[in-house]
Amino acid sequence: MTIARTICLGFLAVITLGTLLLMLPLSITSGEWNSPIVALFTATSAVCVTGLAVVDTGTHFSLWGQAFILLLVQIGGLGYMTSTTFLLLVFRQKFDFRQKFAIQESFDRPFVQGSRSLIRSIIATVLVFELLGVIIMFQPFSAEYGSIRGLWLAVFHSISAWNNAGFSLFPDSLIGYQGSWPINLAISLLIIFGGIGYQVIMELFNWVMSLRSPRTARLSLNFKVVTSMTAILLVIGTVAYLITEIQNPDTLKGLPPQTTLLAAWFQSVTTRTAGFNSIDYGKMGDAAQLITIALMFIGASPSGTGGGIKTTTLRILLNCTRSTLRGSEQVVMYGRTLSPSLILKAIAVFMGSGFLIAFTTISLALIESGKFEFIDLLFECVSAFATVGLSTGITADFSAWGHLILILTMYIGRVGILVSMAAILGEKPPSQLQYPEENLLVG
């Protein structure tokens, strides 16, 4: 079995187990058996760290059900191979060379050595950030709900935010905490660091540690691209929301200046790709919704907990365009030339993602004919593919077939478009044949 199929089947196995757990009467507040489609949709959304929901998580699911969702979110955020490898390490079991290659594929590493230390570092990083989030959010939650309930709310939202899942125990997500600086900043911190990827965090840590010694650490190209693109997109998103929604009385207009800035910043962060919201996306203007769709499509960064085409893919495509306009045949970033195979991979991710979103949006438009606006359907499909979880409020109103389309979209978005295609078509060795070149009119 190929590595791609191992990863895909692993996610399917976890989703199946999660569906069975969420169907149990103990998972539902009513004590009855849960609807299979609701359980399947919720389990898929949790494992794929999306956050789209067809029921209110805080009232429909019991404490056990919420705990199951949180467990699925943690497994989905870590990734199937990371989670299984961690369990093998806990039980002191050995993992073979195939598992090492799977870890290499999951984190896009050029080598398989050091897989054990990598897993330990990842788990330690996760625990540190999630604990930090709990500490920051405990006080405001406990002040309103008491210590026990406040602790559970802090734990749930911290894990959900770090894994860019977007599940909330409040029916309006975080609209009720629109002006809370501790909640907004804690969630933002977890989303950003969870989305930039473990490799960037570890490299940042090593760089800070190296400042104590005379030698200076050399930052990788991946670190420079991810951090710069993340910062640029956060600033652009904040400014864009301020410009488009500042006069909208249903979103930002009428809020105190500090709350307005905080809300615009939070939407810029959460669209990449967390799913929390502190304003109602269903009441946004068309311009702001299109901006949200674009930010969701871009998504987070490689090896992070978010989805989308990734910041590195966008940067490669932008630099390709710049090189073409300058008449250069090389794509250069920070004094480094990108290989043709890397450029082709970025193009494949962009095109494959675009075709999938077009197919699912058209399918939903045909199935749910006349029920929803097209932009709402596009919004929902991009949110599902990029594993964001934001919605204009129509998720629960889809038919069973519509929910199944979103389930498939979330699944492909989480495992990755290239991994999904490799699992279906199989991995073929590259051809050794070289064909003659010929020109073709373009543009």
Protein backbone atom coordinates (compact mmCIF):
# COMPACT_ATOMS: atom_id res chain seq x y z
CA MET A 1 0.00 0.00 0.00
CA THR A 2 1.33 3.43 -0.93
CA ILE A 3 2.02 6.11 1.65
CA ALA A 4 -0.78 8.27 0.23
CA ARG A 5 -3.32 5.49 0.65
CA THR A 6 -2.09 4.77 4.16
CA ILE A 7 -2.70 8.40 5.16
CA CYS A 8 -6.12 8.54 3.47
CA LEU A 9 -7.31 5.26 4.98
CA GLY A 10 -5.99 6.32 8.38
CA PHE A 11 -8.13 9.44 8.35
CA LEU A 12 -11.13 7.39 7.18
CA ALA A 13 -10.63 4.98 10.09
CA VAL A 14 -10.55 7.81 12.63
CA ILE A 15 -13.64 9.42 11.09
CA THR A 16 -15.49 6.10 11.21
CA LEU A 17 -14.60 5.57 14.87
CA GLY A 18 -15.58 9.15 15.68
CA THR A 19 -18.93 8.71 13.95
CA LEU A 20 -19.70 5.64 16.04
CA LEU A 21 -18.75 7.45 19.25
CA LEU A 22 -20.87 10.49 18.43
CA MET A 23 -23.88 8.29 17.64
CA LEU A 24 -23.95 6.86 21.16
CA PRO A 25 -26.72 8.07 23.51
CA LEU A 26 -24.14 9.19 26.07
CA SER A 27 -22.81 11.69 23.52
CA ILE A 28 -26.15 13.50 23.21
CA THR A 29 -27.81 15.66 25.85
CA SER A 30 -31.20 14.09 25.08
CA GLY A 31 -29.83 10.61 25.82
CA GLU A 32 -31.08 9.25 22.49
CA TRP A 33 -29.17 7.79 19.57
CA ASN A 34 -27.72 10.54 17.41
CA SER A 35 -28.60 10.91 13.73
CA PRO A 36 -26.00 9.07 11.57
CA ILE A 37 -25.61 12.01 9.17
CA VAL A 38 -25.14 14.46 12.06
CA ALA A 39 -22.58 12.16 13.70
CA LEU A 40 -20.73 11.59 10.40
CA PHE A 41 -20.69 15.29 9.53
CA THR A 42 -19.50 16.31 13.01
CA ALA A 43 -16.83 13.59 13.14
CA THR A 44 -15.52 14.55 9.70
CA SER A 45 -15.53 18.23 10.60
CA ALA A 46 -13.62 17.46 13.81
CA VAL A 47 -11.02 15.10 12.32
CA CYS A 48 -10.53 17.45 9.38
CA VAL A 49 -10.24 20.36 11.89
CA THR A 50 -12.87 22.32 10.00
CA GLY A 51 -15.52 23.40 12.50
CA LEU A 52 -18.56 23.41 10.24
CA ALA A 53 -21.53 22.17 12.24
CA VAL A 54 -25.10 21.12 11.52
CA VAL A 55 -26.11 21.34 15.20
CA ASP A 56 -25.13 23.55 18.13
CA THR A 57 -22.11 21.81 19.67
CA GLY A 58 -22.65 23.30 23.13
CA THR A 59 -26.29 22.20 23.53
CA HIS A 60 -26.70 19.16 21.26
CA PHE A 61 -23.72 17.21 22.58
CA SER A 62 -23.22 16.16 26.20
CA LEU A 63 -19.95 16.54 28.07
CA TRP A 64 -18.91 13.12 26.73
CA GLY A 65 -19.81 14.14 23.20
CA GLN A 66 -17.85 17.36 23.52
CA ALA A 67 -14.87 15.39 24.86
CA PHE A 68 -15.07 13.00 21.89
CA ILE A 69 -15.13 15.98 19.50
CA LEU A 70 -12.11 17.47 21.25
CA LEU A 71 -10.22 14.17 20.97
CA LEU A 72 -11.01 13.94 17.26
CA VAL A 73 -9.88 17.54 16.78
CA GLN A 74 -6.57 16.82 18.52
CA ILE A 75 -5.97 13.70 16.42
CA GLY A 76 -6.93 15.52 13.24
CA GLY A 77 -4.72 18.49 14.04
CA LEU A 78 -1.71 16.33 14.79
CA GLY A 79 -2.39 14.19 11.74
CA TYR A 80 -3.05 10.49 11.54
CA MET A 81 0.59 9.42 11.25
CA THR A 82 1.77 11.72 14.06
CA SER A 83 -0.97 10.45 16.38
CA THR A 84 -0.34 6.75 15.71
CA THR A 85 3.42 7.18 15.97
CA PHE A 86 2.98 9.00 19.28
CA LEU A 87 0.92 6.08 20.62
CA LEU A 88 3.65 3.66 19.55
CA LEU A 89 6.19 5.74 21.44
CA VAL A 90 3.96 5.85 24.53
CA PHE A 91 3.62 2.07 24.55
CA ARG A 92 7.33 1.71 23.68
CA GLN A 93 6.64 -0.03 20.38
CA LYS A 94 8.92 0.16 17.37
CA PHE A 95 7.76 1.65 14.08
CA ASP A 96 9.10 0.47 10.77
CA PHE A 97 10.63 2.25 7.81
CA ARG A 98 7.25 2.68 6.10
CA GLN A 99 5.96 4.71 9.03
CA LYS A 100 9.07 6.86 8.92
CA PHE A 101 8.42 7.56 5.25
CA ALA A 102 4.80 8.42 6.09
CA ILE A 103 6.03 10.97 8.64
CA GLN A 104 8.42 12.31 6.01
CA GLU A 105 5.49 12.69 3.59
CA SER A 106 3.23 14.31 6.21
CA PHE A 107 5.78 16.97 7.16
CA ASP A 108 7.49 17.29 3.76
CA ARG A 109 10.86 16.40 5.25
CA PRO A 110 13.79 15.55 2.95
CA PHE A 111 15.00 12.77 5.27
CA VAL A 112 13.57 10.13 7.60
CA GLN A 113 16.15 10.27 10.39
CA GLY A 114 15.12 11.77 13.70
CA SER A 115 11.44 10.85 13.39
CA ARG A 116 11.18 9.98 17.09
CA SER A 117 12.63 13.28 18.26
CA LEU A 118 10.42 15.11 15.77
CA ILE A 119 7.26 13.53 17.20
CA ARG A 120 8.35 14.31 20.77
CA SER A 121 9.06 17.93 19.83
CA ILE A 122 5.67 18.27 18.15
CA ILE A 123 3.79 16.88 21.15
CA ALA A 124 5.74 19.15 23.52
CA THR A 125 5.00 22.18 21.34
CA VAL A 126 1.29 21.35 21.24
CA LEU A 127 1.04 20.94 25.01
CA VAL A 128 2.93 24.17 25.75
CA PHE A 129 0.78 26.34 23.48
CA GLU A 130 -2.52 24.74 24.46
CA LEU A 131 -1.66 25.10 28.16
CA LEU A 132 -0.75 28.75 27.58
CA GLY A 133 -4.13 29.29 25.93
CA VAL A 134 -5.93 27.68 28.87
CA ILE A 135 -4.09 29.89 31.35
CA ILE A 136 -4.95 33.11 29.47
CA MET A 137 -8.63 32.26 28.88
CA PHE A 138 -9.38 30.70 32.26
CA GLN A 139 -9.83 33.99 34.11
CA PRO A 140 -12.42 35.63 31.81
CA PHE A 141 -14.37 32.38 31.40
CA SER A 142 -14.30 31.47 35.10
CA ALA A 143 -15.37 35.00 36.08
CA GLU A 144 -18.60 34.46 34.13
CA TYR A 145 -19.24 30.72 34.46
CA GLY A 146 -17.38 29.63 37.59
CA SER A 147 -14.12 27.73 37.96
CA ILE A 148 -15.16 24.25 36.73
CA ARG A 149 -17.19 25.40 33.72
CA GLY A 150 -14.67 28.14 33.00
CA LEU A 151 -11.81 25.63 32.96
CA TRP A 152 -13.66 23.36 30.52
CA LEU A 153 -14.45 26.31 28.22
CA ALA A 154 -10.80 27.38 28.31
CA VAL A 155 -9.56 23.86 27.55
CA PHE A 156 -12.07 23.29 24.74
CA HIS A 157 -11.45 26.59 22.98
CA SER A 158 -7.68 26.41 23.44
CA ILE A 159 -7.42 22.99 21.80
CA SER A 160 -9.91 23.99 19.10
CA ALA A 161 -7.98 27.20 18.35
CA TRP A 162 -4.52 25.61 18.25
CA ASN A 163 -5.75 22.98 15.81
CA ASN A 164 -7.48 25.68 13.72
CA ALA A 165 -10.74 23.75 14.16
CA GLY A 166 -13.20 26.51 15.00
CA PHE A 167 -15.53 24.43 17.18
CA SER A 168 -17.09 26.58 19.91
CA LEU A 169 -19.43 25.79 22.78
CA PHE A 170 -21.27 29.07 22.26
CA PRO A 171 -24.11 29.24 19.72
CA ASP A 172 -22.76 32.51 18.27
CA SER A 173 -19.10 31.38 18.36
CA LEU A 174 -17.18 34.31 19.94
CA ILE A 175 -19.50 37.19 19.04
CA GLY A 176 -20.31 37.52 22.74
CA TYR A 177 -16.59 38.13 23.41
CA GLN A 178 -16.10 40.59 20.57
CA GLY A 179 -14.44 43.16 22.81
CA SER A 180 -12.56 40.78 25.14
CA TRP A 181 -8.85 41.33 24.63
CA PRO A 182 -7.69 38.22 26.57
CA ILE A 183 -10.00 35.89 24.62
CA ASN A 184 -9.33 37.45 21.21
CA LEU A 185 -5.56 37.65 21.65
CA ALA A 186 -5.28 34.14 23.09
CA ILE A 187 -7.32 32.64 20.27
CA SER A 188 -5.38 34.67 17.69
CA LEU A 189 -2.03 33.58 19.13
CA LEU A 190 -3.03 29.91 19.04
CA ILE A 191 -4.43 30.16 15.51
CA ILE A 192 -1.34 31.88 14.10
CA PHE A 193 1.23 29.60 15.68
CA GLY A 194 -0.87 26.51 15.00
CA GLY A 195 -1.16 27.53 11.37
CA ILE A 196 2.46 28.43 10.58
CA GLY A 197 3.64 24.87 11.15
CA TYR A 198 5.80 22.97 13.60
CA GLN A 199 8.97 23.37 11.54
CA VAL A 200 8.74 27.16 11.65
CA ILE A 201 8.09 27.16 15.41
CA MET A 202 11.04 24.85 16.06
CA GLU A 203 13.29 26.91 13.80
CA LEU A 204 12.22 30.09 15.60
CA PHE A 205 13.00 28.46 18.95
CA ASN A 206 16.44 27.32 17.75
CA TRP A 207 17.14 30.79 16.36
CA VAL A 208 16.26 32.44 19.69
CA MET A 209 18.48 29.96 21.55
CA SER A 210 21.36 30.61 19.15
CA LEU A 211 21.36 34.32 20.00
CA ARG A 212 23.10 33.42 23.26
CA SER A 213 26.10 32.04 21.40
CA PRO A 214 28.52 33.86 19.11
CA ARG A 215 27.41 31.98 16.00
CA THR A 216 24.16 32.97 14.38
CA ALA A 217 21.61 30.46 13.13
CA ARG A 218 20.72 30.55 9.47
CA LEU A 219 17.01 30.84 8.79
CA SER A 220 15.64 28.58 6.07
CA LEU A 221 13.80 29.73 2.96
CA ASN A 222 10.64 28.06 4.28
CA PHE A 223 10.82 30.11 7.49
CA LYS A 224 11.28 33.39 5.62
CA VAL A 225 8.46 32.74 3.17
CA VAL A 226 5.97 31.48 5.76
CA THR A 227 6.54 34.26 8.30
CA SER A 228 6.61 37.08 5.75
CA MET A 229 3.49 35.88 3.89
CA THR A 230 1.63 35.31 7.16
CA ALA A 231 2.41 38.84 8.37
CA ILE A 232 1.49 40.40 5.02
CA LEU A 233 -1.83 38.55 4.78
CA LEU A 234 -2.75 39.41 8.37
CA VAL A 235 -2.19 43.11 7.74
CA ILE A 236 -3.96 43.06 4.36
CA GLY A 237 -6.93 41.18 5.84
CA THR A 238 -7.29 43.60 8.76
CA VAL A 239 -7.18 46.66 6.53
CA ALA A 240 -9.56 45.07 4.02
CA TYR A 241 -12.18 44.30 6.67
CA LEU A 242 -11.91 47.81 8.09
CA ILE A 243 -12.44 49.34 4.65
CA THR A 244 -15.31 47.10 3.56
CA GLU A 245 -17.23 46.72 6.82
CA ILE A 246 -16.60 49.96 8.72
CA GLN A 247 -19.96 51.36 7.51
CA ASN A 248 -21.93 48.12 7.94
CA PRO A 249 -24.28 48.54 10.93
CA ASP A 250 -24.63 44.75 11.27
CA THR A 251 -20.89 44.14 11.73
CA LEU A 252 -18.40 46.91 12.60
CA LYS A 253 -20.28 50.20 12.47
CA GLY A 254 -21.15 51.58 15.89
CA LEU A 255 -18.51 49.62 17.79
CA PRO A 256 -15.93 51.43 19.96
CA PRO A 257 -12.71 52.14 17.99
CA GLN A 258 -10.66 49.57 19.91
CA THR A 259 -13.32 46.89 19.45
CA THR A 260 -13.59 47.72 15.74
CA LEU A 261 -9.85 47.24 15.25
CA LEU A 262 -9.88 44.08 17.37
CA ALA A 263 -12.80 42.59 15.41
CA ALA A 264 -11.18 43.37 12.04
CA TRP A 265 -7.91 41.82 13.23
CA PHE A 266 -9.68 38.74 14.57
CA GLN A 267 -11.52 38.10 11.28
CA SER A 268 -8.24 38.43 9.39
CA VAL A 269 -6.68 35.82 11.67
CA THR A 270 -9.56 33.36 11.85
CA THR A 271 -10.09 33.12 8.11
CA ARG A 272 -6.67 31.42 7.92
CA THR A 273 -8.09 28.81 8.73
CA ALA A 274 -9.70 28.60 12.16
CA GLY A 275 -13.45 29.08 11.86
CA PHE A 276 -14.15 31.20 14.93
CA ASN A 277 -15.98 34.46 14.33
CA SER A 278 -16.70 37.56 16.38
CA ILE A 279 -19.04 39.11 13.78
CA ASP A 280 -21.89 37.56 11.78
CA TYR A 281 -20.57 36.51 8.34
CA GLY A 282 -24.12 36.15 7.07
CA LYS A 283 -24.56 39.91 7.47
CA MET A 284 -21.32 40.87 5.75
CA GLY A 285 -21.36 42.73 2.46
CA ASP A 286 -20.46 40.97 -0.79
CA ALA A 287 -17.02 42.60 -0.91
CA ALA A 288 -16.09 41.36 2.57
CA GLN A 289 -17.40 37.88 1.77
CA LEU A 290 -15.25 37.72 -1.38
CA ILE A 291 -12.23 38.83 0.65
CA THR A 292 -13.02 36.10 3.18
CA ILE A 293 -13.28 33.50 0.41
CA ALA A 294 -9.88 34.55 -0.96
CA LEU A 295 -8.21 34.42 2.48
CA MET A 296 -9.78 31.02 3.22
CA PHE A 297 -8.59 29.65 -0.11
CA ILE A 298 -5.00 30.71 0.65
CA GLY A 299 -5.17 29.21 4.13
CA ALA A 300 -2.34 28.49 6.52
CA SER A 301 1.18 27.11 6.01
CA PRO A 302 2.67 23.65 5.33
CA SER A 303 2.89 21.20 8.28
CA GLY A 304 0.54 23.44 10.29
CA THR A 305 -2.95 22.60 11.48
CA GLY A 306 -4.73 24.75 8.88
CA GLY A 307 -5.82 24.03 5.32
CA GLY A 308 -6.02 25.90 2.03
CA ILE A 309 -3.47 25.97 -0.78
CA LYS A 310 -0.91 27.29 1.77
CA THR A 311 1.05 30.53 1.96
CA THR A 312 4.10 29.00 0.26
CA THR A 313 2.05 27.99 -2.78
CA LEU A 314 0.75 31.54 -3.15
CA ARG A 315 4.25 32.99 -2.83
CA ILE A 316 5.63 30.63 -5.49
CA LEU A 317 2.85 31.58 -7.92
CA LEU A 318 3.35 35.29 -7.24
CA ASN A 319 7.08 35.02 -7.84
CA CYS A 320 6.46 33.00 -11.01
CA THR A 321 4.30 35.85 -12.29
CA ARG A 322 6.92 38.43 -11.38
CA SER A 323 9.66 36.44 -13.13
CA THR A 324 7.52 36.13 -16.27
CA LEU A 325 6.80 39.87 -16.34
CA ARG A 326 10.52 40.58 -15.98
CA GLY A 327 11.41 38.16 -18.76
CA SER A 328 13.36 35.87 -16.43
CA GLU A 329 13.32 32.07 -16.77
CA GLN A 330 14.25 31.56 -13.12
CA VAL A 331 12.02 31.94 -10.06
CA VAL A 332 14.07 33.41 -7.23
CA MET A 333 13.23 33.89 -3.55
CA TYR A 334 15.63 35.46 -1.06
CA GLY A 335 18.60 34.68 -3.29
CA ARG A 336 17.57 31.07 -3.92
CA THR A 337 16.34 29.57 -7.21
CA LEU A 338 13.28 27.33 -7.03
CA SER A 339 13.37 23.98 -8.81
CA PRO A 340 10.95 23.33 -11.71
CA SER A 341 9.43 20.38 -9.80
CA LEU A 342 8.50 22.67 -6.90
CA ILE A 343 6.89 25.17 -9.27
CA LEU A 344 4.91 22.39 -10.99
CA LYS A 345 3.75 21.14 -7.59
CA ALA A 346 2.48 24.61 -6.65
CA ILE A 347 0.61 24.91 -9.95
CA ALA A 348 -0.90 21.44 -9.45
CA VAL A 349 -2.10 22.35 -5.93
CA PHE A 350 -3.65 25.59 -7.17
CA MET A 351 -5.36 24.04 -10.20
CA GLY A 352 -6.51 20.93 -8.36
CA SER A 353 -7.96 23.00 -5.53
CA GLY A 354 -9.72 25.31 -7.95
CA PHE A 355 -11.28 22.43 -9.90
CA LEU A 356 -12.46 20.73 -6.70
CA ILE A 357 -14.11 23.90 -5.40
CA ALA A 358 -15.74 24.54 -8.78
CA PHE A 359 -17.06 20.97 -8.90
CA THR A 360 -18.45 20.97 -5.36
CA THR A 361 -19.99 24.43 -5.72
CA ILE A 362 -21.72 23.48 -8.98
CA SER A 363 -22.88 20.20 -7.41
CA LEU A 364 -24.37 22.03 -4.43
CA ALA A 365 -26.02 24.56 -6.73
CA LEU A 366 -27.70 21.72 -8.64
CA ILE A 367 -28.75 19.76 -5.54
CA GLU A 368 -29.91 22.76 -3.52
CA SER A 369 -31.37 24.51 -6.58
CA GLY A 370 -32.91 27.88 -5.75
CA LYS A 371 -32.54 27.58 -1.97
CA PHE A 372 -29.39 29.67 -1.48
CA GLU A 373 -27.44 32.49 -3.08
CA PHE A 374 -24.49 31.36 -5.20
CA ILE A 375 -21.96 33.33 -3.14
CA ASP A 376 -23.19 31.53 -0.01
CA LEU A 377 -22.63 28.15 -1.69
CA LEU A 378 -19.17 29.18 -2.85
CA PHE A 379 -18.39 30.47 0.64
CA GLU A 380 -19.45 27.14 2.16
CA CYS A 381 -17.42 25.02 -0.28
CA VAL A 382 -14.23 27.06 0.12
CA SER A 383 -14.68 26.95 3.89
CA ALA A 384 -15.04 23.16 3.77
CA PHE A 385 -12.10 22.62 1.41
CA ALA A 386 -9.76 24.94 3.32
CA THR A 387 -10.94 23.32 6.59
CA VAL A 388 -11.91 26.75 7.93
CA GLY A 389 -15.38 26.24 9.36
CA LEU A 390 -16.76 29.73 8.76
CA SER A 391 -20.30 29.88 7.44
CA THR A 392 -22.95 32.40 6.48
CA GLY A 393 -25.39 30.33 8.54
CA ILE A 394 -26.68 27.86 5.94
CA THR A 395 -24.79 24.67 6.86
CA ALA A 396 -27.64 23.08 8.81
CA ASP A 397 -30.15 23.83 6.03
CA PHE A 398 -28.53 21.63 3.39
CA SER A 399 -30.11 18.35 2.36
CA ALA A 400 -28.45 15.02 3.21
CA TRP A 401 -26.80 14.96 -0.23
CA GLY A 402 -25.52 18.49 0.32
CA HIS A 403 -24.01 17.46 3.65
CA LEU A 404 -22.32 14.47 2.00
CA ILE A 405 -20.72 16.76 -0.59
CA LEU A 406 -19.36 18.98 2.18
CA ILE A 407 -18.10 15.88 4.04
CA LEU A 408 -16.17 14.77 0.96
CA THR A 409 -14.82 18.30 0.45
CA MET A 410 -13.62 18.55 4.06
CA TYR A 411 -11.93 15.15 3.81
CA ILE A 412 -10.05 15.95 0.60
CA GLY A 413 -9.11 19.36 1.95
CA ARG A 414 -7.58 17.84 5.08
CA VAL A 415 -5.57 15.00 3.53
CA GLY A 416 -4.48 17.29 0.69
CA ILE A 417 -5.43 17.46 -2.97
CA LEU A 418 -2.18 15.88 -4.19
CA VAL A 419 -2.26 13.09 -1.60
CA SER A 420 -5.89 12.36 -2.50
CA MET A 421 -5.08 12.13 -6.20
CA ALA A 422 -2.03 9.97 -5.52
CA ALA A 423 -4.15 7.61 -3.42
CA ILE A 424 -6.71 7.27 -6.23
CA LEU A 425 -4.40 7.12 -9.23
CA GLY A 426 -1.41 5.50 -7.56
CA GLU A 427 2.15 6.78 -7.46
CA LYS A 428 3.92 6.20 -10.77
CA PRO A 429 7.67 6.60 -11.32
CA PRO A 430 8.58 9.56 -13.54
CA SER A 431 9.12 8.77 -17.20
CA GLN A 432 12.69 8.78 -18.48
CA LEU A 433 11.60 9.85 -21.96
CA GLN A 434 12.47 13.35 -23.10
CA TYR A 435 10.34 14.86 -25.85
CA PRO A 436 11.38 17.66 -28.21
CA GLU A 437 10.46 21.20 -27.25
CA GLU A 438 8.01 23.34 -29.22
CA ASN A 439 6.48 26.76 -28.73
CA LEU A 440 2.83 27.41 -27.93
CA LEU A 441 0.93 30.71 -27.88
CA VAL A 442 0.01 31.73 -24.33
CA GLY A 443 -1.97 34.71 -23.09
